[in-house]
Amino acid sequence: MAASGREHVLSLYRLLLKESKKFPSYNYRTYALRRVRDAFRENRTVEDPKVVEELLNRARESLAIIQRQSSMLPNTLNCWSKTSSGNMIHTGQLL
């Protein structure tokens, strides 16, 4: 892979890790980080330009999903309230 292609892949990898760290939930955050690392590690030996481009497109799609989900998740968590008995109820409000 050419140096500029390698730099682009590393830049995308770092951006995916950075965005994955924005999940407020520990479980979501660790899952996303593990999946990003595993996917890049699994495909690091791929040299076919068509396959590399397909993998990069999938990574870009994943980045968009992570960005949407990490920004939406805090808002969806705020629509739940705890009752005096300790039960969680859905208030139907999104901030």
PDB file of N, CA and C in Angstrom:
ATOM      1  N   MET A   1       0.844  -1.173   0.000  1.00  0.00           N
ATOM      2  CA  MET A   1       0.000   0.000   0.000  1.00  0.00           C
ATOM      3  C   MET A   1       0.890   1.236   0.000  1.00  0.00           C
ATOM      4  N   ALA A   2       0.513   2.230  -0.759  1.00  0.00           N
ATOM      5  CA  ALA A   2       1.288   3.471  -0.834  1.00  0.00           C
ATOM      6  C   ALA A   2       1.231   4.206   0.499  1.00  0.00           C
ATOM      7  N   ALA A   3       2.218   5.048   0.712  1.00  0.00           N
ATOM      8  CA  ALA A   3       2.305   5.769   1.985  1.00  0.00           C
ATOM      9  C   ALA A   3       1.068   6.629   2.225  1.00  0.00           C
ATOM     10  N   SER A   4       0.585   7.311   1.194  1.00  0.00           N
ATOM     11  CA  SER A   4      -0.591   8.157   1.393  1.00  0.00           C
ATOM     12  C   SER A   4      -1.819   7.317   1.711  1.00  0.00           C
ATOM     13  N   GLY A   5      -1.934   6.115   1.099  1.00  0.00           N
ATOM     14  CA  GLY A   5      -3.032   5.212   1.414  1.00  0.00           C
ATOM     15  C   GLY A   5      -2.948   4.711   2.841  1.00  0.00           C
ATOM     16  N   ARG A   6      -1.742   4.415   3.277  1.00  0.00           N
ATOM     17  CA  ARG A   6      -1.523   3.962   4.654  1.00  0.00           C
ATOM     18  C   ARG A   6      -1.891   5.066   5.637  1.00  0.00           C
ATOM     19  N   GLU A   7      -1.498   6.288   5.334  1.00  0.00           N
ATOM     20  CA  GLU A   7      -1.828   7.425   6.202  1.00  0.00           C
ATOM     21  C   GLU A   7      -3.331   7.625   6.282  1.00  0.00           C
ATOM     22  N   HIS A   8      -4.009   7.434   5.147  1.00  0.00           N
ATOM     23  CA  HIS A   8      -5.467   7.583   5.129  1.00  0.00           C
ATOM     24  C   HIS A   8      -6.124   6.515   6.002  1.00  0.00           C
ATOM     25  N   VAL A   9      -5.659   5.276   5.908  1.00  0.00           N
ATOM     26  CA  VAL A   9      -6.203   4.176   6.712  1.00  0.00           C
ATOM     27  C   VAL A   9      -5.966   4.447   8.200  1.00  0.00           C
ATOM     28  N   LEU A  10      -4.754   4.877   8.538  1.00  0.00           N
ATOM     29  CA  LEU A  10      -4.443   5.167   9.945  1.00  0.00           C
ATOM     30  C   LEU A  10      -5.286   6.337  10.471  1.00  0.00           C
ATOM     31  N   SER A  11      -5.495   7.324   9.627  1.00  0.00           N
ATOM     32  CA  SER A  11      -6.326   8.466  10.019  1.00  0.00           C
ATOM     33  C   SER A  11      -7.764   8.012  10.291  1.00  0.00           C
ATOM     34  N   LEU A  12      -8.303   7.172   9.421  1.00  0.00           N
ATOM     35  CA  LEU A  12      -9.652   6.646   9.606  1.00  0.00           C
ATOM     36  C   LEU A  12      -9.726   5.785  10.867  1.00  0.00           C
ATOM     37  N   TYR A  13      -8.703   4.982  11.104  1.00  0.00           N
ATOM     38  CA  TYR A  13      -8.635   4.142  12.306  1.00  0.00           C
ATOM     39  C   TYR A  13      -8.656   5.014  13.565  1.00  0.00           C
ATOM     40  N   ARG A  14      -7.826   6.030  13.589  1.00  0.00           N
ATOM     41  CA  ARG A  14      -7.774   6.915  14.764  1.00  0.00           C
ATOM     42  C   ARG A  14      -9.100   7.630  14.983  1.00  0.00           C
ATOM     43  N   LEU A  15      -9.737   8.055  13.886  1.00  0.00           N
ATOM     44  CA  LEU A  15     -11.023   8.741  13.997  1.00  0.00           C
ATOM     45  C   LEU A  15     -12.099   7.797  14.535  1.00  0.00           C
ATOM     46  N   LEU A  16     -12.094   6.554  14.082  1.00  0.00           N
ATOM     47  CA  LEU A  16     -13.048   5.570  14.602  1.00  0.00           C
ATOM     48  C   LEU A  16     -12.839   5.339  16.096  1.00  0.00           C
ATOM     49  N   LEU A  17     -11.587   5.240  16.529  1.00  0.00           N
ATOM     50  CA  LEU A  17     -11.310   5.065  17.952  1.00  0.00           C
ATOM     51  C   LEU A  17     -11.752   6.281  18.752  1.00  0.00           C
ATOM     52  N   LYS A  18     -11.460   7.463  18.231  1.00  0.00           N
ATOM     53  CA  LYS A  18     -11.828   8.708  18.918  1.00  0.00           C
ATOM     54  C   LYS A  18     -13.342   8.818  19.075  1.00  0.00           C
ATOM     55  N   GLU A  19     -14.070   8.532  18.011  1.00  0.00           N
ATOM     56  CA  GLU A  19     -15.532   8.620  18.078  1.00  0.00           C
ATOM     57  C   GLU A  19     -16.114   7.529  18.972  1.00  0.00           C
ATOM     58  N   SER A  20     -15.517   6.344  18.967  1.00  0.00           N
ATOM     59  CA  SER A  20     -16.008   5.253  19.806  1.00  0.00           C
ATOM     60  C   SER A  20     -15.864   5.585  21.289  1.00  0.00           C
ATOM     61  N   LYS A  21     -14.858   6.369  21.623  1.00  0.00           N
ATOM     62  CA  LYS A  21     -14.637   6.745  23.023  1.00  0.00           C
ATOM     63  C   LYS A  21     -15.683   7.726  23.534  1.00  0.00           C
ATOM     64  N   LYS A  22     -16.524   8.244  22.659  1.00  0.00           N
ATOM     65  CA  LYS A  22     -17.547   9.219  23.047  1.00  0.00           C
ATOM     66  C   LYS A  22     -18.822   8.573  23.575  1.00  0.00           C
ATOM     67  N   PHE A  23     -18.954   7.247  23.450  1.00  0.00           N
ATOM     68  CA  PHE A  23     -20.142   6.587  23.993  1.00  0.00           C
ATOM     69  C   PHE A  23     -20.154   6.765  25.505  1.00  0.00           C
ATOM     70  N   PRO A  24     -21.253   7.242  26.059  1.00  0.00           N
ATOM     71  CA  PRO A  24     -21.304   7.418  27.514  1.00  0.00           C
ATOM     72  C   PRO A  24     -21.382   6.096  28.275  1.00  0.00           C
ATOM     73  N   SER A  25     -21.935   5.079  27.661  1.00  0.00           N
ATOM     74  CA  SER A  25     -22.073   3.777  28.307  1.00  0.00           C
ATOM     75  C   SER A  25     -20.786   2.973  28.149  1.00  0.00           C
ATOM     76  N   TYR A  26     -20.307   2.439  29.245  1.00  0.00           N
ATOM     77  CA  TYR A  26     -19.091   1.632  29.241  1.00  0.00           C
ATOM     78  C   TYR A  26     -19.211   0.449  28.281  1.00  0.00           C
ATOM     79  N   ASN A  27     -20.349  -0.237  28.315  1.00  0.00           N
ATOM     80  CA  ASN A  27     -20.536  -1.425  27.479  1.00  0.00           C
ATOM     81  C   ASN A  27     -20.493  -1.089  25.994  1.00  0.00           C
ATOM     82  N   TYR A  28     -21.203  -0.039  25.592  1.00  0.00           N
ATOM     83  CA  TYR A  28     -21.184   0.374  24.189  1.00  0.00           C
ATOM     84  C   TYR A  28     -19.783   0.812  23.775  1.00  0.00           C
ATOM     85  N   ARG A  29     -19.137   1.571  24.645  1.00  0.00           N
ATOM     86  CA  ARG A  29     -17.806   2.105  24.349  1.00  0.00           C
ATOM     87  C   ARG A  29     -16.785   0.987  24.165  1.00  0.00           C
ATOM     88  N   THR A  30     -16.750   0.049  25.094  1.00  0.00           N
ATOM     89  CA  THR A  30     -15.761  -1.025  24.993  1.00  0.00           C
ATOM     90  C   THR A  30     -16.057  -1.947  23.814  1.00  0.00           C
ATOM     91  N   TYR A  31     -17.338  -2.173  23.536  1.00  0.00           N
ATOM     92  CA  TYR A  31     -17.697  -3.006  22.390  1.00  0.00           C
ATOM     93  C   TYR A  31     -17.234  -2.342  21.092  1.00  0.00           C
ATOM     94  N   ALA A  32     -17.526  -1.062  20.934  1.00  0.00           N
ATOM     95  CA  ALA A  32     -17.145  -0.355  19.710  1.00  0.00           C
ATOM     96  C   ALA A  32     -15.627  -0.321  19.547  1.00  0.00           C
ATOM     97  N   LEU A  33     -14.915  -0.034  20.611  1.00  0.00           N
ATOM     98  CA  LEU A  33     -13.453  -0.001  20.535  1.00  0.00           C
ATOM     99  C   LEU A  33     -12.886  -1.371  20.153  1.00  0.00           C
ATOM    100  N   ARG A  34     -13.419  -2.420  20.753  1.00  0.00           N
ATOM    101  CA  ARG A  34     -12.943  -3.768  20.457  1.00  0.00           C
ATOM    102  C   ARG A  34     -13.220  -4.141  19.001  1.00  0.00           C
ATOM    103  N   ARG A  35     -14.422  -3.814  18.496  1.00  0.00           N
ATOM    104  CA  ARG A  35     -14.779  -4.148  17.112  1.00  0.00           C
ATOM    105  C   ARG A  35     -13.896  -3.389  16.122  1.00  0.00           C
ATOM    106  N   VAL A  36     -13.617  -2.119  16.394  1.00  0.00           N
ATOM    107  CA  VAL A  36     -12.756  -1.338  15.499  1.00  0.00           C
ATOM    108  C   VAL A  36     -11.363  -1.950  15.467  1.00  0.00           C
ATOM    109  N   ARG A  37     -10.798  -2.189  16.631  1.00  0.00           N
ATOM    110  CA  ARG A  37      -9.442  -2.760  16.692  1.00  0.00           C
ATOM    111  C   ARG A  37      -9.373  -4.131  16.024  1.00  0.00           C
ATOM    112  N   ASP A  38     -10.352  -4.980  16.317  1.00  0.00           N
ATOM    113  CA  ASP A  38     -10.350  -6.323  15.742  1.00  0.00           C
ATOM    114  C   ASP A  38     -10.482  -6.295  14.221  1.00  0.00           C
ATOM    115  N   ALA A  39     -11.349  -5.439  13.702  1.00  0.00           N
ATOM    116  CA  ALA A  39     -11.559  -5.370  12.252  1.00  0.00           C
ATOM    117  C   ALA A  39     -10.297  -4.903  11.539  1.00  0.00           C
ATOM    118  N   PHE A  40      -9.645  -3.876  12.071  1.00  0.00           N
ATOM    119  CA  PHE A  40      -8.437  -3.382  11.430  1.00  0.00           C
ATOM    120  C   PHE A  40      -7.295  -4.394  11.561  1.00  0.00           C
ATOM    121  N   ARG A  41      -7.203  -5.045  12.702  1.00  0.00           N
ATOM    122  CA  ARG A  41      -6.155  -6.051  12.897  1.00  0.00           C
ATOM    123  C   ARG A  41      -6.368  -7.238  11.952  1.00  0.00           C
ATOM    124  N   GLU A  42      -7.609  -7.654  11.801  1.00  0.00           N
ATOM    125  CA  GLU A  42      -7.935  -8.796  10.950  1.00  0.00           C
ATOM    126  C   GLU A  42      -7.603  -8.519   9.475  1.00  0.00           C
ATOM    127  N   ASN A  43      -7.747  -7.270   9.053  1.00  0.00           N
ATOM    128  CA  ASN A  43      -7.585  -6.936   7.641  1.00  0.00           C
ATOM    129  C   ASN A  43      -6.286  -6.208   7.318  1.00  0.00           C
ATOM    130  N   ARG A  44      -5.334  -6.210   8.211  1.00  0.00           N
ATOM    131  CA  ARG A  44      -4.106  -5.452   7.979  1.00  0.00           C
ATOM    132  C   ARG A  44      -3.219  -6.028   6.885  1.00  0.00           C
ATOM    133  N   THR A  45      -3.419  -7.283   6.531  1.00  0.00           N
ATOM    134  CA  THR A  45      -2.585  -7.892   5.499  1.00  0.00           C
ATOM    135  C   THR A  45      -3.221  -7.841   4.108  1.00  0.00           C
ATOM    136  N   VAL A  46      -4.413  -7.264   3.997  1.00  0.00           N
ATOM    137  CA  VAL A  46      -5.101  -7.186   2.711  1.00  0.00           C
ATOM    138  C   VAL A  46      -4.348  -6.222   1.799  1.00  0.00           C
ATOM    139  N   GLU A  47      -4.068  -6.668   0.573  1.00  0.00           N
ATOM    140  CA  GLU A  47      -3.313  -5.835  -0.367  1.00  0.00           C
ATOM    141  C   GLU A  47      -4.072  -5.548  -1.658  1.00  0.00           C
ATOM    142  N   ASP A  48      -5.118  -6.304  -1.943  1.00  0.00           N
ATOM    143  CA  ASP A  48      -5.908  -6.091  -3.158  1.00  0.00           C
ATOM    144  C   ASP A  48      -6.604  -4.728  -3.082  1.00  0.00           C
ATOM    145  N   PRO A  49      -6.324  -3.822  -4.041  1.00  0.00           N
ATOM    146  CA  PRO A  49      -6.886  -2.465  -3.983  1.00  0.00           C
ATOM    147  C   PRO A  49      -8.412  -2.426  -3.942  1.00  0.00           C
ATOM    148  N   LYS A  50      -9.079  -3.340  -4.637  1.00  0.00           N
ATOM    149  CA  LYS A  50     -10.543  -3.360  -4.625  1.00  0.00           C
ATOM    150  C   LYS A  50     -11.073  -3.747  -3.250  1.00  0.00           C
ATOM    151  N   VAL A  51     -10.444  -4.731  -2.657  1.00  0.00           N
ATOM    152  CA  VAL A  51     -10.868  -5.181  -1.321  1.00  0.00           C
ATOM    153  C   VAL A  51     -10.575  -4.089  -0.291  1.00  0.00           C
ATOM    154  N   VAL A  52      -9.426  -3.446  -0.408  1.00  0.00           N
ATOM    155  CA  VAL A  52      -9.067  -2.359   0.514  1.00  0.00           C
ATOM    156  C   VAL A  52     -10.090  -1.233   0.410  1.00  0.00           C
ATOM    157  N   GLU A  53     -10.474  -0.873  -0.816  1.00  0.00           N
ATOM    158  CA  GLU A  53     -11.454   0.202  -0.995  1.00  0.00           C
ATOM    159  C   GLU A  53     -12.805  -0.179  -0.405  1.00  0.00           C
ATOM    160  N   GLU A  54     -13.198  -1.438  -0.573  1.00  0.00           N
ATOM    161  CA  GLU A  54     -14.454  -1.910   0.010  1.00  0.00           C
ATOM    162  C   GLU A  54     -14.405  -1.857   1.537  1.00  0.00           C
ATOM    163  N   LEU A  55     -13.293  -2.272   2.110  1.00  0.00           N
ATOM    164  CA  LEU A  55     -13.136  -2.219   3.567  1.00  0.00           C
ATOM    165  C   LEU A  55     -13.142  -0.781   4.074  1.00  0.00           C
ATOM    166  N   LEU A  56     -12.512   0.121   3.319  1.00  0.00           N
ATOM    167  CA  LEU A  56     -12.516   1.527   3.710  1.00  0.00           C
ATOM    168  C   LEU A  56     -13.927   2.113   3.654  1.00  0.00           C
ATOM    169  N   ASN A  57     -14.686   1.723   2.653  1.00  0.00           N
ATOM    170  CA  ASN A  57     -16.073   2.197   2.561  1.00  0.00           C
ATOM    171  C   ASN A  57     -16.890   1.698   3.743  1.00  0.00           C
ATOM    172  N   ARG A  58     -16.688   0.439   4.112  1.00  0.00           N
ATOM    173  CA  ARG A  58     -17.380  -0.096   5.289  1.00  0.00           C
ATOM    174  C   ARG A  58     -16.967   0.646   6.558  1.00  0.00           C
ATOM    175  N   ALA A  59     -15.683   0.975   6.662  1.00  0.00           N
ATOM    176  CA  ALA A  59     -15.197   1.713   7.837  1.00  0.00           C
ATOM    177  C   ALA A  59     -15.812   3.105   7.890  1.00  0.00           C
ATOM    178  N   ARG A  60     -15.945   3.755   6.731  1.00  0.00           N
ATOM    179  CA  ARG A  60     -16.570   5.088   6.695  1.00  0.00           C
ATOM    180  C   ARG A  60     -18.042   5.012   7.106  1.00  0.00           C
ATOM    181  N   GLU A  61     -18.733   3.964   6.644  1.00  0.00           N
ATOM    182  CA  GLU A  61     -20.128   3.771   7.050  1.00  0.00           C
ATOM    183  C   GLU A  61     -20.226   3.528   8.555  1.00  0.00           C
ATOM    184  N   SER A  62     -19.316   2.747   9.070  1.00  0.00           N
ATOM    185  CA  SER A  62     -19.294   2.485  10.513  1.00  0.00           C
ATOM    186  C   SER A  62     -19.032   3.765  11.292  1.00  0.00           C
ATOM    187  N   LEU A  63     -18.150   4.599  10.782  1.00  0.00           N
ATOM    188  CA  LEU A  63     -17.861   5.875  11.432  1.00  0.00           C
ATOM    189  C   LEU A  63     -19.119   6.726  11.507  1.00  0.00           C
ATOM    190  N   ALA A  64     -19.861   6.793  10.412  1.00  0.00           N
ATOM    191  CA  ALA A  64     -21.101   7.580  10.407  1.00  0.00           C
ATOM    192  C   ALA A  64     -22.100   7.028  11.418  1.00  0.00           C
ATOM    193  N   ILE A  65     -22.194   5.713  11.511  1.00  0.00           N
ATOM    194  CA  ILE A  65     -23.111   5.087  12.470  1.00  0.00           C
ATOM    195  C   ILE A  65     -22.681   5.400  13.898  1.00  0.00           C
ATOM    196  N   ILE A  66     -21.398   5.261  14.173  1.00  0.00           N
ATOM    197  CA  ILE A  66     -20.884   5.537  15.518  1.00  0.00           C
ATOM    198  C   ILE A  66     -21.138   6.995  15.889  1.00  0.00           C
ATOM    199  N   GLN A  67     -20.913   7.906  14.954  1.00  0.00           N
ATOM    200  CA  GLN A  67     -21.140   9.329  15.237  1.00  0.00           C
ATOM    201  C   GLN A  67     -22.607   9.594  15.550  1.00  0.00           C
ATOM    202  N   ARG A  68     -23.507   8.976  14.783  1.00  0.00           N
ATOM    203  CA  ARG A  68     -24.944   9.167  15.048  1.00  0.00           C
ATOM    204  C   ARG A  68     -25.333   8.567  16.387  1.00  0.00           C
ATOM    205  N   GLN A  69     -24.904   7.343  16.635  1.00  0.00           N
ATOM    206  CA  GLN A  69     -25.314   6.655  17.852  1.00  0.00           C
ATOM    207  C   GLN A  69     -24.737   7.292  19.116  1.00  0.00           C
ATOM    208  N   SER A  70     -23.494   7.700  19.064  1.00  0.00           N
ATOM    209  CA  SER A  70     -22.901   8.277  20.270  1.00  0.00           C
ATOM    210  C   SER A  70     -23.513   9.629  20.587  1.00  0.00           C
ATOM    211  N   SER A  71     -24.018  10.331  19.586  1.00  0.00           N
ATOM    212  CA  SER A  71     -24.661  11.622  19.860  1.00  0.00           C
ATOM    213  C   SER A  71     -26.109  11.435  20.284  1.00  0.00           C
ATOM    214  N   MET A  72     -26.753  10.339  19.847  1.00  0.00           N
ATOM    215  CA  MET A  72     -28.154  10.107  20.197  1.00  0.00           C
ATOM    216  C   MET A  72     -28.321   9.418  21.535  1.00  0.00           C
ATOM    217  N   LEU A  73     -27.411   8.575  21.897  1.00  0.00           N
ATOM    218  CA  LEU A  73     -27.570   7.746  23.083  1.00  0.00           C
ATOM    219  C   LEU A  73     -27.836   8.539  24.361  1.00  0.00           C
ATOM    220  N   PRO A  74     -27.097   9.616  24.648  1.00  0.00           N
ATOM    221  CA  PRO A  74     -27.401  10.347  25.884  1.00  0.00           C
ATOM    222  C   PRO A  74     -28.821  10.884  25.899  1.00  0.00           C
ATOM    223  N   ASN A  75     -29.339  11.307  24.753  1.00  0.00           N
ATOM    224  CA  ASN A  75     -30.688  11.840  24.696  1.00  0.00           C
ATOM    225  C   ASN A  75     -31.735  10.762  24.927  1.00  0.00           C
ATOM    226  N   THR A  76     -31.528   9.570  24.437  1.00  0.00           N
ATOM    227  CA  THR A  76     -32.508   8.515  24.636  1.00  0.00           C
ATOM    228  C   THR A  76     -32.498   8.014  26.067  1.00  0.00           C
ATOM    229  N   LEU A  77     -31.365   8.095  26.733  1.00  0.00           N
ATOM    230  CA  LEU A  77     -31.317   7.662  28.132  1.00  0.00           C
ATOM    231  C   LEU A  77     -32.086   8.610  29.038  1.00  0.00           C
ATOM    232  N   ASN A  78     -32.209   9.866  28.643  1.00  0.00           N
ATOM    233  CA  ASN A  78     -32.893  10.850  29.475  1.00  0.00           C
ATOM    234  C   ASN A  78     -34.407  10.711  29.442  1.00  0.00           C
ATOM    235  N   CYS A  79     -34.965   9.819  28.632  1.00  0.00           N
ATOM    236  CA  CYS A  79     -36.415   9.660  28.569  1.00  0.00           C
ATOM    237  C   CYS A  79     -36.904   8.629  29.588  1.00  0.00           C
ATOM    238  N   TRP A  80     -36.031   8.153  30.474  1.00  0.00           N
ATOM    239  CA  TRP A  80     -36.408   7.209  31.511  1.00  0.00           C
ATOM    240  C   TRP A  80     -36.281   7.882  32.872  1.00  0.00           C
ATOM    241  N   SER A  81     -37.250   7.619  33.738  1.00  0.00           N
ATOM    242  CA  SER A  81     -37.229   8.182  35.090  1.00  0.00           C
ATOM    243  C   SER A  81     -37.449   7.073  36.107  1.00  0.00           C
ATOM    244  N   LYS A  82     -36.912   7.292  37.286  1.00  0.00           N
ATOM    245  CA  LYS A  82     -37.070   6.313  38.357  1.00  0.00           C
ATOM    246  C   LYS A  82     -38.240   6.745  39.231  1.00  0.00           C
ATOM    247  N   THR A  83     -39.145   5.804  39.529  1.00  0.00           N
ATOM    248  CA  THR A  83     -40.277   6.095  40.401  1.00  0.00           C
ATOM    249  C   THR A  83     -39.831   6.010  41.850  1.00  0.00           C
ATOM    250  N   SER A  84     -40.714   6.408  42.762  1.00  0.00           N
ATOM    251  CA  SER A  84     -40.381   6.352  44.185  1.00  0.00           C
ATOM    252  C   SER A  84     -40.139   4.920  44.652  1.00  0.00           C
ATOM    253  N   SER A  85     -40.716   3.946  43.958  1.00  0.00           N
ATOM    254  CA  SER A  85     -40.494   2.545  44.323  1.00  0.00           C
ATOM    255  C   SER A  85     -39.223   1.980  43.694  1.00  0.00           C
ATOM    256  N   GLY A  86     -38.532   2.794  42.874  1.00  0.00           N
ATOM    257  CA  GLY A  86     -37.277   2.361  42.279  1.00  0.00           C
ATOM    258  C   GLY A  86     -37.415   1.779  40.890  1.00  0.00           C
ATOM    259  N   ASN A  87     -38.638   1.701  40.375  1.00  0.00           N
ATOM    260  CA  ASN A  87     -38.861   1.165  39.031  1.00  0.00           C
ATOM    261  C   ASN A  87     -38.573   2.254  37.992  1.00  0.00           C
ATOM    262  N   MET A  88     -38.111   1.806  36.825  1.00  0.00           N
ATOM    263  CA  MET A  88     -37.872   2.741  35.727  1.00  0.00           C
ATOM    264  C   MET A  88     -39.107   2.825  34.855  1.00  0.00           C
ATOM    265  N   ILE A  89     -39.524   4.049  34.518  1.00  0.00           N
ATOM    266  CA  ILE A  89     -40.670   4.240  33.626  1.00  0.00           C
ATOM    267  C   ILE A  89     -40.235   5.133  32.478  1.00  0.00           C
ATOM    268  N   HIS A  90     -40.862   4.934  31.345  1.00  0.00           N
ATOM    269  CA  HIS A  90     -40.562   5.725  30.148  1.00  0.00           C
ATOM    270  C   HIS A  90     -41.430   6.984  30.202  1.00  0.00           C
ATOM    271  N   THR A  91     -40.795   8.142  30.146  1.00  0.00           N
ATOM    272  CA  THR A  91     -41.524   9.402  30.229  1.00  0.00           C
ATOM    273  C   THR A  91     -41.950   9.901  28.858  1.00  0.00           C
ATOM    274  N   GLY A  92     -41.384   9.341  27.806  1.00  0.00           N
ATOM    275  CA  GLY A  92     -41.778   9.741  26.461  1.00  0.00           C
ATOM    276  C   GLY A  92     -41.140  11.042  26.011  1.00  0.00           C
ATOM    277  N   GLN A  93     -40.214  11.570  26.784  1.00  0.00           N
ATOM    278  CA  GLN A  93     -39.587  12.836  26.429  1.00  0.00           C
ATOM    279  C   GLN A  93     -38.165  12.595  25.969  1.00  0.00           C
ATOM    280  N   LEU A  94     -37.826  13.233  24.884  1.00  0.00           N
ATOM    281  CA  LEU A  94     -36.449  13.218  24.412  1.00  0.00           C
ATOM    282  C   LEU A  94     -35.922  14.633  24.492  1.00  0.00           C
ATOM    283  N   LEU A  95     -34.744  14.794  24.991  1.00  0.00           N
ATOM    284  CA  LEU A  95     -34.170  16.133  25.090  1.00  0.00           C
ATOM    285  C   LEU A  95     -33.486  16.528  23.819  1.00  0.00           C
TER     286      LEU A  95
END
